[in-house]
């Protein structure tokens, strides 16, 4: 296994990198995680990003539209 921090090749049996001391066991566990979990996390992140973007883009337009409706109704009432 190669250390992602320093790039040194290490035996797959050791827990820490011989060169820099990075915890290779934790990295190995993260890399061997289930693929489904990865895509589920990515999908959830994309949903949150899209929700924030649409709220940012369209959030003020709804408020402005409601304010225009109120102003127009007061004009009709005189």
PDB file of N, CA and C in Angstrom:
ATOM      1  N   UNK A   1       0.849  -1.179   0.000  1.00  0.00           N
ATOM      2  CA  UNK A   1       0.000   0.000   0.000  1.00  0.00           C
ATOM      3  C   UNK A   1       0.891   1.237   0.000  1.00  0.00           C
ATOM      4  N   UNK A   2       0.508   2.203  -0.804  1.00  0.00           N
ATOM      5  CA  UNK A   2       1.244   3.463  -0.844  1.00  0.00           C
ATOM      6  C   UNK A   2       0.622   4.448   0.135  1.00  0.00           C
ATOM      7  N   UNK A   3       1.460   5.165   0.825  1.00  0.00           N
ATOM      8  CA  UNK A   3       0.994   6.180   1.767  1.00  0.00           C
ATOM      9  C   UNK A   3       0.477   7.386   0.977  1.00  0.00           C
ATOM     10  N   UNK A   4      -0.747   7.833   1.261  1.00  0.00           N
ATOM     11  CA  UNK A   4      -1.275   8.980   0.526  1.00  0.00           C
ATOM     12  C   UNK A   4      -0.620  10.304   0.909  1.00  0.00           C
ATOM     13  N   UNK A   5       0.045  10.312   2.058  1.00  0.00           N
ATOM     14  CA  UNK A   5       0.672  11.555   2.517  1.00  0.00           C
ATOM     15  C   UNK A   5       2.067  11.746   1.922  1.00  0.00           C
ATOM     16  N   UNK A   6       2.896  10.703   2.003  1.00  0.00           N
ATOM     17  CA  UNK A   6       4.282  10.858   1.546  1.00  0.00           C
ATOM     18  C   UNK A   6       4.600  10.065   0.281  1.00  0.00           C
ATOM     19  N   UNK A   7       3.736   9.106  -0.105  1.00  0.00           N
ATOM     20  CA  UNK A   7       3.938   8.332  -1.319  1.00  0.00           C
ATOM     21  C   UNK A   7       4.824   7.110  -1.170  1.00  0.00           C
ATOM     22  N   UNK A   8       5.314   6.825   0.034  1.00  0.00           N
ATOM     23  CA  UNK A   8       6.193   5.673   0.247  1.00  0.00           C
ATOM     24  C   UNK A   8       5.386   4.381   0.192  1.00  0.00           C
ATOM     25  N   UNK A   9       5.959   3.374  -0.458  1.00  0.00           N
ATOM     26  CA  UNK A   9       5.333   2.057  -0.507  1.00  0.00           C
ATOM     27  C   UNK A   9       5.535   1.340   0.819  1.00  0.00           C
ATOM     28  N   UNK A  10       4.469   0.780   1.374  1.00  0.00           N
ATOM     29  CA  UNK A  10       4.522   0.068   2.649  1.00  0.00           C
ATOM     30  C   UNK A  10       3.893  -1.307   2.486  1.00  0.00           C
ATOM     31  N   UNK A  11       4.255  -2.207   3.369  1.00  0.00           N
ATOM     32  CA  UNK A  11       3.650  -3.530   3.393  1.00  0.00           C
ATOM     33  C   UNK A  11       2.190  -3.394   3.821  1.00  0.00           C
ATOM     34  N   UNK A  12       1.333  -4.258   3.304  1.00  0.00           N
ATOM     35  CA  UNK A  12      -0.090  -4.164   3.638  1.00  0.00           C
ATOM     36  C   UNK A  12      -0.379  -4.601   5.071  1.00  0.00           C
ATOM     37  N   UNK A  13       0.582  -5.236   5.746  1.00  0.00           N
ATOM     38  CA  UNK A  13       0.365  -5.709   7.112  1.00  0.00           C
ATOM     39  C   UNK A  13       0.630  -4.646   8.177  1.00  0.00           C
ATOM     40  N   UNK A  14       1.362  -3.590   7.849  1.00  0.00           N
ATOM     41  CA  UNK A  14       1.704  -2.611   8.885  1.00  0.00           C
ATOM     42  C   UNK A  14       0.588  -1.583   9.044  1.00  0.00           C
ATOM     43  N   UNK A  15       0.492  -1.048  10.259  1.00  0.00           N
ATOM     44  CA  UNK A  15      -0.596  -0.131  10.602  1.00  0.00           C
ATOM     45  C   UNK A  15      -0.244   1.321  10.293  1.00  0.00           C
ATOM     46  N   UNK A  16       1.019   1.687  10.452  1.00  0.00           N
ATOM     47  CA  UNK A  16       1.458   3.071  10.242  1.00  0.00           C
ATOM     48  C   UNK A  16       2.545   3.122   9.175  1.00  0.00           C
ATOM     49  N   UNK A  17       2.598   4.220   8.438  1.00  0.00           N
ATOM     50  CA  UNK A  17       3.618   4.410   7.415  1.00  0.00           C
ATOM     51  C   UNK A  17       4.997   4.462   8.072  1.00  0.00           C
ATOM     52  N   UNK A  18       5.948   3.738   7.500  1.00  0.00           N
ATOM     53  CA  UNK A  18       7.301   3.701   8.050  1.00  0.00           C
ATOM     54  C   UNK A  18       8.016   5.030   7.858  1.00  0.00           C
ATOM     55  N   UNK A  19       7.604   5.822   6.892  1.00  0.00           N
ATOM     56  CA  UNK A  19       8.271   7.078   6.602  1.00  0.00           C
ATOM     57  C   UNK A  19       7.702   8.252   7.393  1.00  0.00           C
ATOM     58  N   UNK A  20       6.369   8.410   7.372  1.00  0.00           N
ATOM     59  CA  UNK A  20       5.790   9.614   7.995  1.00  0.00           C
ATOM     60  C   UNK A  20       4.860   9.326   9.172  1.00  0.00           C
ATOM     61  N   UNK A  21       4.506   8.070   9.398  1.00  0.00           N
ATOM     62  CA  UNK A  21       3.673   7.721  10.549  1.00  0.00           C
ATOM     63  C   UNK A  21       2.174   7.844  10.328  1.00  0.00           C
ATOM     64  N   UNK A  22       1.734   8.037   9.103  1.00  0.00           N
ATOM     65  CA  UNK A  22       0.304   8.141   8.811  1.00  0.00           C
ATOM     66  C   UNK A  22      -0.384   6.815   9.117  1.00  0.00           C
ATOM     67  N   UNK A  23      -1.592   6.882   9.678  1.00  0.00           N
ATOM     68  CA  UNK A  23      -2.357   5.689  10.021  1.00  0.00           C
ATOM     69  C   UNK A  23      -2.898   5.052   8.739  1.00  0.00           C
ATOM     70  N   UNK A  24      -2.230   4.012   8.264  1.00  0.00           N
ATOM     71  CA  UNK A  24      -2.614   3.345   7.022  1.00  0.00           C
ATOM     72  C   UNK A  24      -3.834   2.455   7.207  1.00  0.00           C
ATOM     73  N   UNK A  25      -4.050   1.974   8.413  1.00  0.00           N
ATOM     74  CA  UNK A  25      -5.205   1.116   8.676  1.00  0.00           C
ATOM     75  C   UNK A  25      -6.506   1.903   8.492  1.00  0.00           C
ATOM     76  N   UNK A  26      -6.539   3.124   8.991  1.00  0.00           N
ATOM     77  CA  UNK A  26      -7.733   3.959   8.841  1.00  0.00           C
ATOM     78  C   UNK A  26      -7.976   4.287   7.370  1.00  0.00           C
ATOM     79  N   UNK A  27      -6.918   4.553   6.647  1.00  0.00           N
ATOM     80  CA  UNK A  27      -7.051   4.858   5.218  1.00  0.00           C
ATOM     81  C   UNK A  27      -7.529   3.627   4.460  1.00  0.00           C
ATOM     82  N   UNK A  28      -7.004   2.475   4.816  1.00  0.00           N
ATOM     83  CA  UNK A  28      -7.416   1.236   4.173  1.00  0.00           C
ATOM     84  C   UNK A  28      -8.893   0.962   4.417  1.00  0.00           C
ATOM     85  N   UNK A  29      -9.366   1.187   5.649  1.00  0.00           N
ATOM     86  CA  UNK A  29     -10.794   0.997   5.958  1.00  0.00           C
ATOM     87  C   UNK A  29     -11.658   1.956   5.149  1.00  0.00           C
ATOM     88  N   UNK A  30     -11.209   3.187   5.021  1.00  0.00           N
ATOM     89  CA  UNK A  30     -11.981   4.180   4.264  1.00  0.00           C
ATOM     90  C   UNK A  30     -12.047   3.812   2.784  1.00  0.00           C
ATOM     91  N   UNK A  31     -10.949   3.286   2.256  1.00  0.00           N
ATOM     92  CA  UNK A  31     -10.915   2.928   0.838  1.00  0.00           C
ATOM     93  C   UNK A  31     -11.697   1.662   0.526  1.00  0.00           C
ATOM     94  N   UNK A  32     -11.846   0.780   1.497  1.00  0.00           N
ATOM     95  CA  UNK A  32     -12.568  -0.468   1.259  1.00  0.00           C
ATOM     96  C   UNK A  32     -14.023  -0.366   1.691  1.00  0.00           C
ATOM     97  N   UNK A  33     -14.498   0.840   1.968  1.00  0.00           N
ATOM     98  CA  UNK A  33     -15.904   1.034   2.325  1.00  0.00           C
ATOM     99  C   UNK A  33     -16.803   0.612   1.183  1.00  0.00           C
ATOM    100  N   UNK A  34     -18.041   0.348   1.504  1.00  0.00           N
ATOM    101  CA  UNK A  34     -18.980  -0.112   0.486  1.00  0.00           C
ATOM    102  C   UNK A  34     -19.238   0.992  -0.533  1.00  0.00           C
ATOM    103  N   UNK A  35     -19.284   0.590  -1.773  1.00  0.00           N
ATOM    104  CA  UNK A  35     -19.495   1.542  -2.863  1.00  0.00           C
ATOM    105  C   UNK A  35     -20.871   2.186  -2.757  1.00  0.00           C
ATOM    106  N   UNK A  36     -21.860   1.432  -2.286  1.00  0.00           N
ATOM    107  CA  UNK A  36     -23.214   1.965  -2.146  1.00  0.00           C
ATOM    108  C   UNK A  36     -23.234   3.135  -1.165  1.00  0.00           C
ATOM    109  N   UNK A  37     -22.496   3.004  -0.068  1.00  0.00           N
ATOM    110  CA  UNK A  37     -22.434   4.080   0.918  1.00  0.00           C
ATOM    111  C   UNK A  37     -21.849   5.343   0.299  1.00  0.00           C
ATOM    112  N   UNK A  38     -20.835   5.174  -0.522  1.00  0.00           N
ATOM    113  CA  UNK A  38     -20.196   6.316  -1.173  1.00  0.00           C
ATOM    114  C   UNK A  38     -21.196   7.059  -2.047  1.00  0.00           C
ATOM    115  N   UNK A  39     -21.914   6.322  -2.883  1.00  0.00           N
ATOM    116  CA  UNK A  39     -22.861   6.969  -3.789  1.00  0.00           C
ATOM    117  C   UNK A  39     -24.052   7.551  -3.044  1.00  0.00           C
ATOM    118  N   UNK A  40     -24.446   6.935  -1.953  1.00  0.00           N
ATOM    119  CA  UNK A  40     -25.534   7.485  -1.145  1.00  0.00           C
ATOM    120  C   UNK A  40     -25.115   8.819  -0.550  1.00  0.00           C
ATOM    121  N   UNK A  41     -23.893   8.910  -0.062  1.00  0.00           N
ATOM    122  CA  UNK A  41     -23.395  10.166   0.500  1.00  0.00           C
ATOM    123  C   UNK A  41     -23.275  11.240  -0.579  1.00  0.00           C
ATOM    124  N   UNK A  42     -22.768  10.866  -1.734  1.00  0.00           N
ATOM    125  CA  UNK A  42     -22.636  11.820  -2.837  1.00  0.00           C
ATOM    126  C   UNK A  42     -24.009  12.317  -3.271  1.00  0.00           C
ATOM    127  N   UNK A  43     -24.973  11.401  -3.384  1.00  0.00           N
ATOM    128  CA  UNK A  43     -26.324  11.771  -3.806  1.00  0.00           C
ATOM    129  C   UNK A  43     -26.959  12.731  -2.804  1.00  0.00           C
ATOM    130  N   UNK A  44     -26.785  12.450  -1.509  1.00  0.00           N
ATOM    131  CA  UNK A  44     -27.316  13.352  -0.482  1.00  0.00           C
ATOM    132  C   UNK A  44     -26.661  14.721  -0.543  1.00  0.00           C
ATOM    133  N   UNK A  45     -25.372  14.749  -0.799  1.00  0.00           N
ATOM    134  CA  UNK A  45     -24.655  16.022  -0.908  1.00  0.00           C
ATOM    135  C   UNK A  45     -25.118  16.835  -2.105  1.00  0.00           C
ATOM    136  N   UNK A  46     -25.367  16.153  -3.212  1.00  0.00           N
ATOM    137  CA  UNK A  46     -25.851  16.847  -4.406  1.00  0.00           C
ATOM    138  C   UNK A  46     -27.243  17.412  -4.155  1.00  0.00           C
ATOM    139  N   UNK A  47     -28.093  16.637  -3.472  1.00  0.00           N
ATOM    140  CA  UNK A  47     -29.439  17.127  -3.146  1.00  0.00           C
ATOM    141  C   UNK A  47     -29.378  18.385  -2.294  1.00  0.00           C
ATOM    142  N   UNK A  48     -28.509  18.386  -1.288  1.00  0.00           N
ATOM    143  CA  UNK A  48     -28.379  19.560  -0.417  1.00  0.00           C
ATOM    144  C   UNK A  48     -27.847  20.758  -1.199  1.00  0.00           C
ATOM    145  N   UNK A  49     -26.874  20.527  -2.046  1.00  0.00           N
ATOM    146  CA  UNK A  49     -26.311  21.609  -2.855  1.00  0.00           C
ATOM    147  C   UNK A  49     -27.376  22.198  -3.775  1.00  0.00           C
ATOM    148  N   UNK A  50     -28.149  21.350  -4.425  1.00  0.00           N
ATOM    149  CA  UNK A  50     -29.200  21.817  -5.325  1.00  0.00           C
ATOM    150  C   UNK A  50     -30.265  22.597  -4.554  1.00  0.00           C
ATOM    151  N   UNK A  51     -30.630  22.111  -3.366  1.00  0.00           N
ATOM    152  CA  UNK A  51     -31.632  22.806  -2.558  1.00  0.00           C
ATOM    153  C   UNK A  51     -31.138  24.190  -2.147  1.00  0.00           C
ATOM    154  N   UNK A  52     -29.889  24.286  -1.731  1.00  0.00           N
ATOM    155  CA  UNK A  52     -29.337  25.590  -1.348  1.00  0.00           C
ATOM    156  C   UNK A  52     -29.253  26.538  -2.538  1.00  0.00           C
ATOM    157  N   UNK A  53     -28.869  25.999  -3.683  1.00  0.00           N
ATOM    158  CA  UNK A  53     -28.753  26.823  -4.889  1.00  0.00           C
ATOM    159  C   UNK A  53     -30.115  27.374  -5.295  1.00  0.00           C
ATOM    160  N   UNK A  54     -31.120  26.510  -5.340  1.00  0.00           N
ATOM    161  CA  UNK A  54     -32.446  26.979  -5.752  1.00  0.00           C
ATOM    162  C   UNK A  54     -33.023  27.956  -4.743  1.00  0.00           C
ATOM    163  N   UNK A  55     -32.755  27.730  -3.467  1.00  0.00           N
ATOM    164  CA  UNK A  55     -33.222  28.677  -2.449  1.00  0.00           C
ATOM    165  C   UNK A  55     -32.555  30.033  -2.645  1.00  0.00           C
ATOM    166  N   UNK A  56     -31.279  30.014  -2.954  1.00  0.00           N
ATOM    167  CA  UNK A  56     -30.538  31.258  -3.172  1.00  0.00           C
ATOM    168  C   UNK A  56     -31.039  31.987  -4.419  1.00  0.00           C
ATOM    169  N   UNK A  57     -31.243  31.249  -5.499  1.00  0.00           N
ATOM    170  CA  UNK A  57     -31.641  31.859  -6.764  1.00  0.00           C
ATOM    171  C   UNK A  57     -33.095  32.304  -6.750  1.00  0.00           C
ATOM    172  N   UNK A  58     -33.979  31.436  -6.262  1.00  0.00           N
ATOM    173  CA  UNK A  58     -35.404  31.718  -6.363  1.00  0.00           C
ATOM    174  C   UNK A  58     -36.030  32.226  -5.069  1.00  0.00           C
ATOM    175  N   UNK A  59     -35.298  32.217  -3.983  1.00  0.00           N
ATOM    176  CA  UNK A  59     -35.858  32.628  -2.694  1.00  0.00           C
ATOM    177  C   UNK A  59     -36.352  34.058  -2.691  1.00  0.00           C
ATOM    178  N   UNK A  60     -35.576  34.974  -3.212  1.00  0.00           N
ATOM    179  CA  UNK A  60     -35.964  36.383  -3.224  1.00  0.00           C
ATOM    180  C   UNK A  60     -37.067  36.665  -4.231  1.00  0.00           C
ATOM    181  N   UNK A  61     -37.141  35.900  -5.309  1.00  0.00           N
ATOM    182  CA  UNK A  61     -38.160  36.172  -6.326  1.00  0.00           C
ATOM    183  C   UNK A  61     -39.557  35.881  -5.798  1.00  0.00           C
ATOM    184  N   UNK A  62     -39.699  34.864  -4.948  1.00  0.00           N
ATOM    185  CA  UNK A  62     -41.012  34.569  -4.367  1.00  0.00           C
ATOM    186  C   UNK A  62     -41.442  35.702  -3.445  1.00  0.00           C
ATOM    187  N   UNK A  63     -40.518  36.198  -2.644  1.00  0.00           N
ATOM    188  CA  UNK A  63     -40.828  37.294  -1.733  1.00  0.00           C
ATOM    189  C   UNK A  63     -41.225  38.543  -2.520  1.00  0.00           C
ATOM    190  N   UNK A  64     -40.486  38.860  -3.567  1.00  0.00           N
ATOM    191  CA  UNK A  64     -40.784  40.038  -4.386  1.00  0.00           C
ATOM    192  C   UNK A  64     -42.138  39.889  -5.069  1.00  0.00           C
ATOM    193  N   UNK A  65     -42.454  38.701  -5.525  1.00  0.00           N
ATOM    194  CA  UNK A  65     -43.736  38.452  -6.172  1.00  0.00           C
ATOM    195  C   UNK A  65     -44.884  38.662  -5.197  1.00  0.00           C
ATOM    196  N   UNK A  66     -44.730  38.186  -3.968  1.00  0.00           N
ATOM    197  CA  UNK A  66     -45.765  38.376  -2.946  1.00  0.00           C
ATOM    198  C   UNK A  66     -45.930  39.844  -2.602  1.00  0.00           C
ATOM    199  N   UNK A  67     -44.842  40.584  -2.512  1.00  0.00           N
ATOM    200  CA  UNK A  67     -44.922  42.012  -2.203  1.00  0.00           C
ATOM    201  C   UNK A  67     -45.640  42.766  -3.316  1.00  0.00           C
ATOM    202  N   UNK A  68     -45.370  42.402  -4.566  1.00  0.00           N
ATOM    203  CA  UNK A  68     -46.057  43.050  -5.691  1.00  0.00           C
ATOM    204  C   UNK A  68     -47.553  42.775  -5.650  1.00  0.00           C
ATOM    205  N   UNK A  69     -47.936  41.573  -5.263  1.00  0.00           N
ATOM    206  CA  UNK A  69     -49.351  41.229  -5.169  1.00  0.00           C
ATOM    207  C   UNK A  69     -50.036  42.078  -4.113  1.00  0.00           C
ATOM    208  N   UNK A  70     -49.399  42.264  -2.973  1.00  0.00           N
ATOM    209  CA  UNK A  70     -49.964  43.076  -1.896  1.00  0.00           C
ATOM    210  C   UNK A  70     -50.088  44.525  -2.342  1.00  0.00           C
ATOM    211  N   UNK A  71     -49.078  45.051  -2.992  1.00  0.00           N
ATOM    212  CA  UNK A  71     -49.109  46.441  -3.459  1.00  0.00           C
ATOM    213  C   UNK A  71     -50.230  46.627  -4.472  1.00  0.00           C
ATOM    214  N   UNK A  72     -50.376  45.689  -5.406  1.00  0.00           N
ATOM    215  CA  UNK A  72     -51.440  45.787  -6.412  1.00  0.00           C
ATOM    216  C   UNK A  72     -52.820  45.712  -5.774  1.00  0.00           C
ATOM    217  N   UNK A  73     -52.980  44.871  -4.760  1.00  0.00           N
ATOM    218  CA  UNK A  73     -54.295  44.764  -4.116  1.00  0.00           C
ATOM    219  C   UNK A  73     -54.649  46.052  -3.385  1.00  0.00           C
ATOM    220  N   UNK A  74     -53.666  46.737  -2.801  1.00  0.00           N
ATOM    221  CA  UNK A  74     -53.940  48.014  -2.138  1.00  0.00           C
ATOM    222  C   UNK A  74     -54.301  49.086  -3.162  1.00  0.00           C
ATOM    223  N   UNK A  75     -53.693  49.015  -4.320  1.00  0.00           N
ATOM    224  CA  UNK A  75     -54.032  49.980  -5.377  1.00  0.00           C
ATOM    225  C   UNK A  75     -55.481  49.796  -5.836  1.00  0.00           C
ATOM    226  N   UNK A  76     -55.909  48.541  -5.907  1.00  0.00           N
ATOM    227  CA  UNK A  76     -57.284  48.270  -6.321  1.00  0.00           C
ATOM    228  C   UNK A  76     -58.289  48.784  -5.294  1.00  0.00           C
ATOM    229  N   UNK A  77     -57.906  48.672  -4.021  1.00  0.00           N
ATOM    230  CA  UNK A  77     -58.812  49.118  -2.956  1.00  0.00           C
ATOM    231  C   UNK A  77     -58.859  50.638  -2.866  1.00  0.00           C
ATOM    232  N   UNK A  78     -57.862  51.284  -3.356  1.00  0.00           N
ATOM    233  CA  UNK A  78     -57.884  52.736  -3.410  1.00  0.00           C
ATOM    234  C   UNK A  78     -57.117  53.353  -2.336  1.00  0.00           C
TER     235      UNK A  78
END
